[in-house]
């Protein structure tokens, strides 16, 4: 894939990971890209993101690998332990490491790369609807702009895929998670993403996210039914901290820094199942296409892979046929990830004792090949740099 001699005009809705990655990939191919972002500036919310090994390969192929590595920290193992001290999840990243990064840091890396490529970012432009006229699509935000291709990438809560007939409206999961970030000077698990469980009702996670002034920044997660958020806010903070300490005494350096409820934000999760990923000159990528619970840690990884696959297909086949080829390539894969995520969700977020889960997972780890299967299912199903033809990767890496 060489830079296109007939550049297209491409509109992208949303300046999250998917939208910015799509803008970079398409701009590197020589197209004129405009990104519509509803917020007045980019101030992404969210704690840490786990980028799986194939996601790192995708960021390398996108041309932002060096900047991403500078903004992130290694994660060499994912370990989950029950309150019974049984190891339930153990995924060593021995072959290819994963990395933790804050959403804000990843956004900054992608924004700088997009702007350097001449991508036009329009802030404060909420897209109300998308219409199609023949071979072109128009974005109404609220002024109307017409493009050869429109890419919907405005996240899990987007109403646009349903509006253009690409999916049904997304649904909200009953369980969410409280999150916050804390800096620690001395932490044993420097490159360990660790979770502690009490049945399926409690999940306490800590993930390395950045290094700040010589300290390790950890993203903390606490599983919580969304309907119980107000109850948690009214609950005495010390009572909750005692519960955290009982589940994970070694997390005291983090727990001791909790002084008010307002340090935490409730993250909610959605499920969005696409009928297809493209129709004519309109397509959808990232969470807007295949939102899922965070159990697999694949959201951002899939978003960058979507962006690369779309750019490759458009450069080879043109806007409409390319979007259709992208849909054909990606739809089955992302649906499989969604199905796996949905199956795993009640194993970690449900109202139950979880004894069945603990027995099944702990016993499973003792069976030959199960640990390897865990790794393959989330860390390396198909490496991004194996999915993209070598000539395409080389073109995307060029400045």
Protein backbone atom coordinates (compact mmCIF):
# COMPACT_ATOMS: atom_id res chain seq x y z
CA UNK A 1 0.00 0.00 0.00
CA UNK A 2 1.56 3.25 -1.16
CA UNK A 3 0.26 6.74 -0.38
CA UNK A 4 -2.89 7.24 -2.46
CA UNK A 5 -2.50 9.25 -5.66
CA UNK A 6 -6.21 10.13 -5.50
CA UNK A 7 -6.70 11.39 -1.95
CA UNK A 8 -10.14 11.04 -0.42
CA UNK A 9 -11.97 13.39 1.92
CA UNK A 10 -12.69 11.47 5.12
CA UNK A 11 -14.70 12.57 8.14
CA UNK A 12 -14.24 10.84 11.49
CA UNK A 13 -16.68 11.25 14.37
CA UNK A 14 -14.91 11.12 17.73
CA UNK A 15 -11.37 11.83 18.91
CA UNK A 16 -10.90 8.84 21.18
CA UNK A 17 -8.40 6.05 20.61
CA UNK A 18 -10.26 4.61 17.61
CA UNK A 19 -10.94 7.97 15.95
CA UNK A 20 -7.40 9.29 16.32
CA UNK A 21 -5.82 5.99 15.26
CA UNK A 22 -8.08 5.97 12.21
CA UNK A 23 -7.14 9.56 11.42
CA UNK A 24 -3.42 8.75 11.61
CA UNK A 25 -3.67 5.62 9.45
CA UNK A 26 -5.77 7.32 6.77
CA UNK A 27 -3.72 10.53 6.79
CA UNK A 28 -0.51 8.51 6.35
CA UNK A 29 -2.09 7.02 3.25
CA UNK A 30 -2.45 10.52 1.83
CA UNK A 31 -6.10 11.26 2.55
CA UNK A 32 -7.56 14.54 3.85
CA UNK A 33 -8.99 13.76 7.29
CA UNK A 34 -11.28 15.84 9.50
CA UNK A 35 -12.11 14.68 13.04
CA UNK A 36 -15.26 15.94 14.76
CA UNK A 37 -15.06 15.95 18.57
CA UNK A 38 -18.06 17.00 20.66
CA UNK A 39 -16.00 18.25 23.60
CA UNK A 40 -14.39 21.69 23.58
CA UNK A 41 -10.97 20.12 24.21
CA UNK A 42 -9.44 16.71 24.69
CA UNK A 43 -9.51 15.83 28.38
CA UNK A 44 -10.10 12.08 28.31
CA UNK A 45 -11.46 10.49 31.46
CA UNK A 46 -10.50 7.04 32.58
CA UNK A 47 -7.78 5.37 34.56
CA UNK A 48 -5.28 2.94 33.14
CA UNK A 49 -5.57 1.00 29.92
CA UNK A 50 -3.93 -2.36 29.32
CA UNK A 51 -2.52 -2.60 25.81
CA UNK A 52 -2.06 -6.23 24.84
CA UNK A 53 1.00 -7.36 22.83
CA UNK A 54 -0.88 -7.32 19.53
CA UNK A 55 -2.04 -3.78 20.38
CA UNK A 56 1.57 -2.70 20.81
CA UNK A 57 2.34 -4.21 17.40
CA UNK A 58 -0.57 -2.24 15.95
CA UNK A 59 0.70 1.02 17.48
CA UNK A 60 4.14 0.27 16.03
CA UNK A 61 2.55 -0.26 12.61
CA UNK A 62 0.67 3.01 13.06
CA UNK A 63 4.01 4.78 13.48
CA UNK A 64 3.62 5.87 17.12
CA UNK A 65 5.42 2.99 18.82
CA UNK A 66 8.33 5.01 20.23
CA UNK A 67 6.11 7.73 21.69
CA UNK A 68 3.77 5.14 23.15
CA UNK A 69 6.61 3.25 24.85
CA UNK A 70 7.85 6.51 26.37
CA UNK A 71 4.37 7.23 27.79
CA UNK A 72 3.64 3.73 29.13
CA UNK A 73 5.10 1.11 31.48
CA UNK A 74 5.58 -2.65 31.07
CA UNK A 75 3.13 -5.23 32.36
CA UNK A 76 4.80 -8.63 32.44
CA UNK A 77 2.14 -10.65 34.23
CA UNK A 78 -1.60 -10.64 34.94
CA UNK A 79 -2.36 -12.36 38.25
CA UNK A 80 -5.76 -12.88 39.87
CA UNK A 81 -6.10 -14.39 43.37
CA UNK A 82 -9.23 -15.26 45.34
CA UNK A 83 -9.79 -14.49 49.03
CA UNK A 84 -9.12 -18.19 49.53
CA UNK A 85 -5.53 -17.56 48.30
CA UNK A 86 -6.21 -19.64 45.20
CA UNK A 87 -4.64 -18.38 41.98
CA UNK A 88 -7.45 -18.13 39.43
CA UNK A 89 -5.83 -16.15 36.61
CA UNK A 90 -2.14 -16.28 35.74
CA UNK A 91 -1.03 -14.92 32.38
CA UNK A 92 2.72 -14.31 32.06
CA UNK A 93 3.69 -12.07 29.16
CA UNK A 94 6.96 -13.89 28.59
CA UNK A 95 7.02 -13.84 24.79
CA UNK A 96 5.80 -10.28 24.20
CA UNK A 97 5.07 -7.85 27.01
CA UNK A 98 1.89 -5.90 27.48
CA UNK A 99 1.98 -2.28 28.66
CA UNK A 100 -0.10 -0.08 30.93
CA UNK A 101 -0.86 3.52 30.01
CA UNK A 102 -3.24 6.23 31.14
CA UNK A 103 -6.01 7.17 28.73
CA UNK A 104 -4.79 10.78 28.80
CA UNK A 105 -1.21 9.81 27.88
CA UNK A 106 -2.31 7.59 25.01
CA UNK A 107 -4.60 10.34 23.75
CA UNK A 108 -1.71 12.83 23.80
CA UNK A 109 0.50 10.48 21.78
CA UNK A 110 -2.20 10.03 19.14
CA UNK A 111 -3.20 13.70 18.98
CA UNK A 112 0.37 14.84 18.38
CA UNK A 113 0.84 12.28 15.60
CA UNK A 114 -2.46 13.22 13.97
CA UNK A 115 -1.73 16.95 14.00
CA UNK A 116 1.75 16.36 12.59
CA UNK A 117 0.11 14.62 9.62
CA UNK A 118 -2.20 17.55 8.93
CA UNK A 119 -5.36 16.02 10.39
CA UNK A 120 -7.96 18.70 11.07
CA UNK A 121 -9.46 18.49 14.57
CA UNK A 122 -12.77 20.30 15.06
CA UNK A 123 -13.59 20.63 18.74
CA UNK A 124 -17.03 21.43 20.12
CA UNK A 125 -18.68 19.75 17.11
CA UNK A 126 -21.32 17.28 18.24
CA UNK A 127 -22.53 15.20 15.30
CA UNK A 128 -26.32 14.99 15.36
CA UNK A 129 -26.75 12.66 12.41
CA UNK A 130 -25.16 11.23 9.29
CA UNK A 131 -26.89 11.12 5.93
CA UNK A 132 -25.95 9.40 2.67
CA UNK A 133 -26.41 10.84 -0.80
CA UNK A 134 -25.24 8.40 -3.45
CA UNK A 135 -21.53 7.68 -3.04
CA UNK A 136 -20.96 10.37 -0.40
CA UNK A 137 -21.95 10.82 3.22
CA UNK A 138 -22.62 14.03 5.15
CA UNK A 139 -21.90 14.85 8.77
CA UNK A 140 -24.32 17.26 10.46
CA UNK A 141 -22.45 18.93 13.33
CA UNK A 142 -24.58 21.20 13.19
CA UNK A 143 -23.23 22.57 9.90
CA UNK A 144 -23.11 20.03 7.10
CA UNK A 145 -19.88 18.62 5.64
CA UNK A 146 -19.77 16.05 2.84
CA UNK A 147 -17.12 13.31 2.56
CA UNK A 148 -16.11 10.33 0.43
CA UNK A 149 -16.16 8.26 3.63
CA UNK A 150 -17.47 8.86 7.16
CA UNK A 151 -16.05 6.83 10.05
CA UNK A 152 -18.08 6.58 13.28
CA UNK A 153 -15.67 6.32 16.22
CA UNK A 154 -17.35 8.16 19.09
CA UNK A 155 -17.41 5.38 21.65
CA UNK A 156 -19.66 2.84 23.29
CA UNK A 157 -22.52 5.25 24.01
CA UNK A 158 -22.77 6.42 20.39
CA UNK A 159 -26.27 6.56 18.89
CA UNK A 160 -24.96 6.99 15.35
CA UNK A 161 -24.40 3.30 14.40
CA UNK A 162 -28.04 2.57 15.18
CA UNK A 163 -29.15 5.74 13.39
CA UNK A 164 -27.49 4.66 10.14
CA UNK A 165 -28.56 1.02 10.53
CA UNK A 166 -25.19 -0.53 11.36
CA UNK A 167 -26.13 -1.78 14.83
CA UNK A 168 -28.77 -1.90 17.49
CA UNK A 169 -28.60 0.59 20.36
CA UNK A 170 -26.00 -0.31 22.99
CA UNK A 171 -27.03 -1.59 26.41
CA UNK A 172 -25.42 -0.76 29.77
CA UNK A 173 -23.96 -3.54 31.91
CA UNK A 174 -25.42 -3.77 35.43
CA UNK A 175 -21.93 -3.74 36.95
CA UNK A 176 -19.34 -1.00 36.60
CA UNK A 177 -16.17 -0.08 38.48
CA UNK A 178 -14.84 2.69 40.68
CA UNK A 179 -11.44 3.92 39.54
CA UNK A 180 -8.73 6.30 40.71
CA UNK A 181 -4.95 6.72 40.43
CA UNK A 182 -2.37 6.67 43.20
CA UNK A 183 1.41 7.15 43.21
CA UNK A 184 3.52 4.81 45.35
CA UNK A 185 7.23 5.01 46.09
CA UNK A 186 7.69 1.37 47.02
CA UNK A 187 5.63 -1.30 45.32
CA UNK A 188 6.59 -4.94 44.99
CA UNK A 189 4.67 -5.64 41.79
CA UNK A 190 6.43 -3.10 39.59
CA UNK A 191 5.23 -4.73 36.36
CA UNK A 192 2.34 -6.79 37.70
CA UNK A 193 -1.33 -6.24 36.94
CA UNK A 194 -2.89 -7.83 39.98
CA UNK A 195 -6.48 -8.48 40.99
CA UNK A 196 -7.99 -9.82 44.20
CA UNK A 197 -11.46 -11.38 44.33
CA UNK A 198 -13.96 -12.24 47.04
CA UNK A 199 -16.42 -14.44 45.22
CA UNK A 200 -17.85 -12.71 42.18
CA UNK A 201 -19.11 -9.76 44.24
CA UNK A 202 -15.79 -8.06 44.94
CA UNK A 203 -12.90 -7.35 42.60
CA UNK A 204 -9.98 -5.09 43.58
CA UNK A 205 -7.40 -4.40 40.89
CA UNK A 206 -4.14 -2.45 40.66
CA UNK A 207 -2.30 -1.86 37.39
CA UNK A 208 0.97 -0.01 36.69
CA UNK A 209 0.12 2.95 34.47
CA UNK A 210 3.01 5.44 34.47
CA UNK A 211 6.13 6.62 36.24
CA UNK A 212 5.84 10.07 37.77
CA UNK A 213 8.67 11.80 39.66
CA UNK A 214 10.33 8.51 40.51
CA UNK A 215 7.10 6.91 41.76
CA UNK A 216 4.94 4.24 40.16
CA UNK A 217 1.42 5.40 39.30
CA UNK A 218 -1.14 2.66 39.86
CA UNK A 219 -4.67 2.58 38.50
CA UNK A 220 -7.05 1.20 41.09
CA UNK A 221 -10.33 -0.52 40.20
CA UNK A 222 -13.14 -1.69 42.47
CA UNK A 223 -16.09 -3.60 41.02
CA UNK A 224 -19.52 -2.17 41.89
CA UNK A 225 -23.10 -2.54 40.66
CA UNK A 226 -24.03 0.79 39.07
CA UNK A 227 -27.25 0.94 41.09
CA UNK A 228 -25.19 0.81 44.32
CA UNK A 229 -23.08 3.87 43.56
CA UNK A 230 -25.19 6.25 45.68
CA UNK A 231 -25.13 3.75 48.55
CA UNK A 232 -21.33 3.57 48.32
CA UNK A 233 -21.09 7.39 48.33
CA UNK A 234 -23.13 7.51 51.56
CA UNK A 235 -21.16 4.73 53.20
CA UNK A 236 -18.51 5.64 55.82
CA UNK A 237 -15.20 5.69 54.00
CA UNK A 238 -13.29 3.93 56.77
CA UNK A 239 -15.71 1.02 56.64
CA UNK A 240 -14.98 0.54 52.93
CA UNK A 241 -11.22 0.92 53.47
CA UNK A 242 -11.35 -1.81 56.11
CA UNK A 243 -13.05 -4.04 53.55
CA UNK A 244 -10.33 -3.30 51.01
CA UNK A 245 -7.60 -4.01 53.56
CA UNK A 246 -9.18 -7.31 54.57
CA UNK A 247 -9.21 -8.46 50.95
CA UNK A 248 -5.70 -7.21 50.12
CA UNK A 249 -3.54 -6.21 53.13
CA UNK A 250 -0.45 -5.66 50.94
CA UNK A 251 -2.28 -2.83 49.13
CA UNK A 252 -1.95 -0.59 52.21
CA UNK A 253 0.28 1.99 50.38
CA UNK A 254 -2.68 2.67 48.10
CA UNK A 255 -5.51 2.25 50.61
CA UNK A 256 -3.85 4.69 53.03
CA UNK A 257 -4.09 7.42 50.37
CA UNK A 258 -7.88 7.14 50.13
CA UNK A 259 -9.26 10.10 52.07
CA UNK A 260 -12.54 10.99 50.33
CA UNK A 261 -15.15 9.44 48.07
CA UNK A 262 -14.57 12.13 45.45
CA UNK A 263 -11.21 10.61 44.54
CA UNK A 264 -13.12 7.92 42.65
CA UNK A 265 -15.17 7.98 39.48
CA UNK A 266 -17.71 5.36 38.46
CA UNK A 267 -17.00 3.81 35.06
CA UNK A 268 -19.90 2.14 33.30
CA UNK A 269 -19.63 -0.38 30.50
CA UNK A 270 -21.77 -1.12 27.48
CA UNK A 271 -22.39 -3.89 25.00
CA UNK A 272 -22.87 -2.82 21.38
CA UNK A 273 -23.37 -5.52 18.75
CA UNK A 274 -22.96 -4.39 15.16
CA UNK A 275 -25.04 -5.91 12.37
CA UNK A 276 -22.19 -4.97 10.06
CA UNK A 277 -19.28 -2.53 10.23
CA UNK A 278 -19.96 -0.64 7.01
CA UNK A 279 -22.76 0.33 4.66
CA UNK A 280 -21.90 2.38 1.61
CA UNK A 281 -19.68 5.35 2.49
CA UNK A 282 -20.26 4.97 6.25
CA UNK A 283 -18.39 2.62 8.62
CA UNK A 284 -17.82 2.18 12.33
CA UNK A 285 -14.69 1.33 14.35
CA UNK A 286 -13.70 0.87 17.99
CA UNK A 287 -16.14 0.77 20.89
CA UNK A 288 -18.87 2.34 18.77
CA UNK A 289 -18.77 -0.90 16.77
CA UNK A 290 -18.10 -3.52 19.42
CA UNK A 291 -18.28 -2.20 22.98
CA UNK A 292 -17.88 -4.90 25.61
CA UNK A 293 -17.11 -5.36 29.29
CA UNK A 294 -13.45 -4.80 30.22
CA UNK A 295 -12.75 -8.40 31.25
CA UNK A 296 -10.41 -9.09 28.31
CA UNK A 297 -8.54 -5.78 28.38
CA UNK A 298 -8.82 -5.54 24.60
CA UNK A 299 -10.80 -2.36 23.91
CA UNK A 300 -7.97 -0.05 22.84
CA UNK A 301 -6.08 -2.87 21.13
CA UNK A 302 -9.08 -3.69 18.93
CA UNK A 303 -9.63 0.00 18.18
CA UNK A 304 -6.13 0.44 16.72
CA UNK A 305 -6.41 -2.82 14.78
CA UNK A 306 -9.73 -1.62 13.34
CA UNK A 307 -8.10 1.63 12.22
CA UNK A 308 -5.24 -0.14 10.44
CA UNK A 309 -7.54 -2.67 8.78
CA UNK A 310 -9.83 0.10 7.52
CA UNK A 311 -6.97 2.21 6.14
CA UNK A 312 -5.47 -0.80 4.33
CA UNK A 313 -8.80 -1.80 2.80
CA UNK A 314 -9.67 1.74 1.67
CA UNK A 315 -6.27 2.21 0.03
CA UNK A 316 -6.67 -1.04 -1.89
CA UNK A 317 -10.33 -0.86 -2.86
CA UNK A 318 -11.51 2.74 -2.54
CA UNK A 319 -13.93 4.18 0.03
CA UNK A 320 -17.09 2.12 -0.43
CA UNK A 321 -15.62 -1.22 -1.50
CA UNK A 322 -12.81 -0.74 1.02
CA UNK A 323 -15.23 -0.13 3.88
CA UNK A 324 -17.12 -3.27 2.88
CA UNK A 325 -13.87 -5.27 2.78
CA UNK A 326 -12.94 -3.95 6.24
CA UNK A 327 -16.33 -5.07 7.57
CA UNK A 328 -15.92 -8.53 6.09
CA UNK A 329 -12.43 -8.89 7.60
CA UNK A 330 -13.19 -7.64 11.10
CA UNK A 331 -16.82 -8.45 11.92
CA UNK A 332 -16.43 -12.11 12.86
CA UNK A 333 -13.29 -11.49 14.91
CA UNK A 334 -14.75 -8.68 17.03
CA UNK A 335 -17.98 -10.62 17.60
CA UNK A 336 -15.94 -13.54 18.92
CA UNK A 337 -14.16 -11.24 21.38
CA UNK A 338 -17.51 -9.82 22.48
CA UNK A 339 -18.90 -13.29 23.05
CA UNK A 340 -15.89 -14.30 25.16
CA UNK A 341 -16.12 -11.08 27.16
CA UNK A 342 -19.81 -11.60 27.81
CA UNK A 343 -19.24 -15.17 28.97
CA UNK A 344 -16.47 -14.08 31.36
CA UNK A 345 -18.33 -11.11 32.86
CA UNK A 346 -20.51 -13.08 35.34
CA UNK A 347 -17.39 -14.96 36.41
CA UNK A 348 -16.05 -11.72 37.91
CA UNK A 349 -19.01 -9.37 38.34
CA UNK A 350 -22.12 -10.99 39.75
CA UNK A 351 -23.97 -11.45 43.03
CA UNK A 352 -22.70 -14.79 44.20
CA UNK A 353 -20.21 -16.65 46.37
CA UNK A 354 -18.11 -17.56 43.34
CA UNK A 355 -17.10 -20.96 44.70
CA UNK A 356 -17.92 -22.56 41.35
CA UNK A 357 -15.67 -20.01 39.61
CA UNK A 358 -12.84 -20.49 42.07
CA UNK A 359 -12.93 -24.28 41.75
CA UNK A 360 -13.14 -24.20 37.95
CA UNK A 361 -10.43 -21.59 37.39
CA UNK A 362 -8.00 -22.87 40.05
CA UNK A 363 -8.31 -26.45 38.82
CA UNK A 364 -8.06 -25.33 35.20
CA UNK A 365 -4.68 -23.69 35.76
CA UNK A 366 -3.30 -27.08 36.80
CA UNK A 367 -4.25 -28.67 33.49
CA UNK A 368 -1.57 -28.75 30.77
CA UNK A 369 -2.10 -26.08 28.15
CA UNK A 370 -4.75 -24.01 30.00
CA UNK A 371 -2.39 -21.21 30.97
CA UNK A 372 -1.18 -21.04 27.39
CA UNK A 373 -4.79 -20.92 26.19
CA UNK A 374 -5.49 -17.99 28.53
CA UNK A 375 -2.54 -16.15 27.04
CA UNK A 376 -3.57 -16.89 23.46
CA UNK A 377 -7.19 -15.88 24.06
CA UNK A 378 -6.38 -12.29 25.09
CA UNK A 379 -2.72 -11.59 24.44
CA UNK A 380 -1.94 -12.99 21.03
CA UNK A 381 -4.91 -14.34 19.06
CA UNK A 382 -3.35 -13.02 15.84
CA UNK A 383 -0.56 -10.47 16.01
CA UNK A 384 -1.41 -7.20 14.30
CA UNK A 385 1.82 -7.21 12.34
CA UNK A 386 0.93 -10.66 10.94
CA UNK A 387 -2.51 -9.55 9.85
CA UNK A 388 -1.30 -6.54 7.89
CA UNK A 389 0.58 -7.27 4.66
CA UNK A 390 4.27 -6.31 4.90
CA UNK A 391 4.01 -3.60 2.23
CA UNK A 392 1.13 -2.01 4.12
CA UNK A 393 3.05 -2.00 7.40
CA UNK A 394 6.05 -0.38 5.75
CA UNK A 395 3.93 2.35 4.19
CA UNK A 396 2.17 3.10 7.47
CA UNK A 397 5.51 3.37 9.28
CA UNK A 398 6.81 6.04 6.91
CA UNK A 399 6.72 9.59 8.12
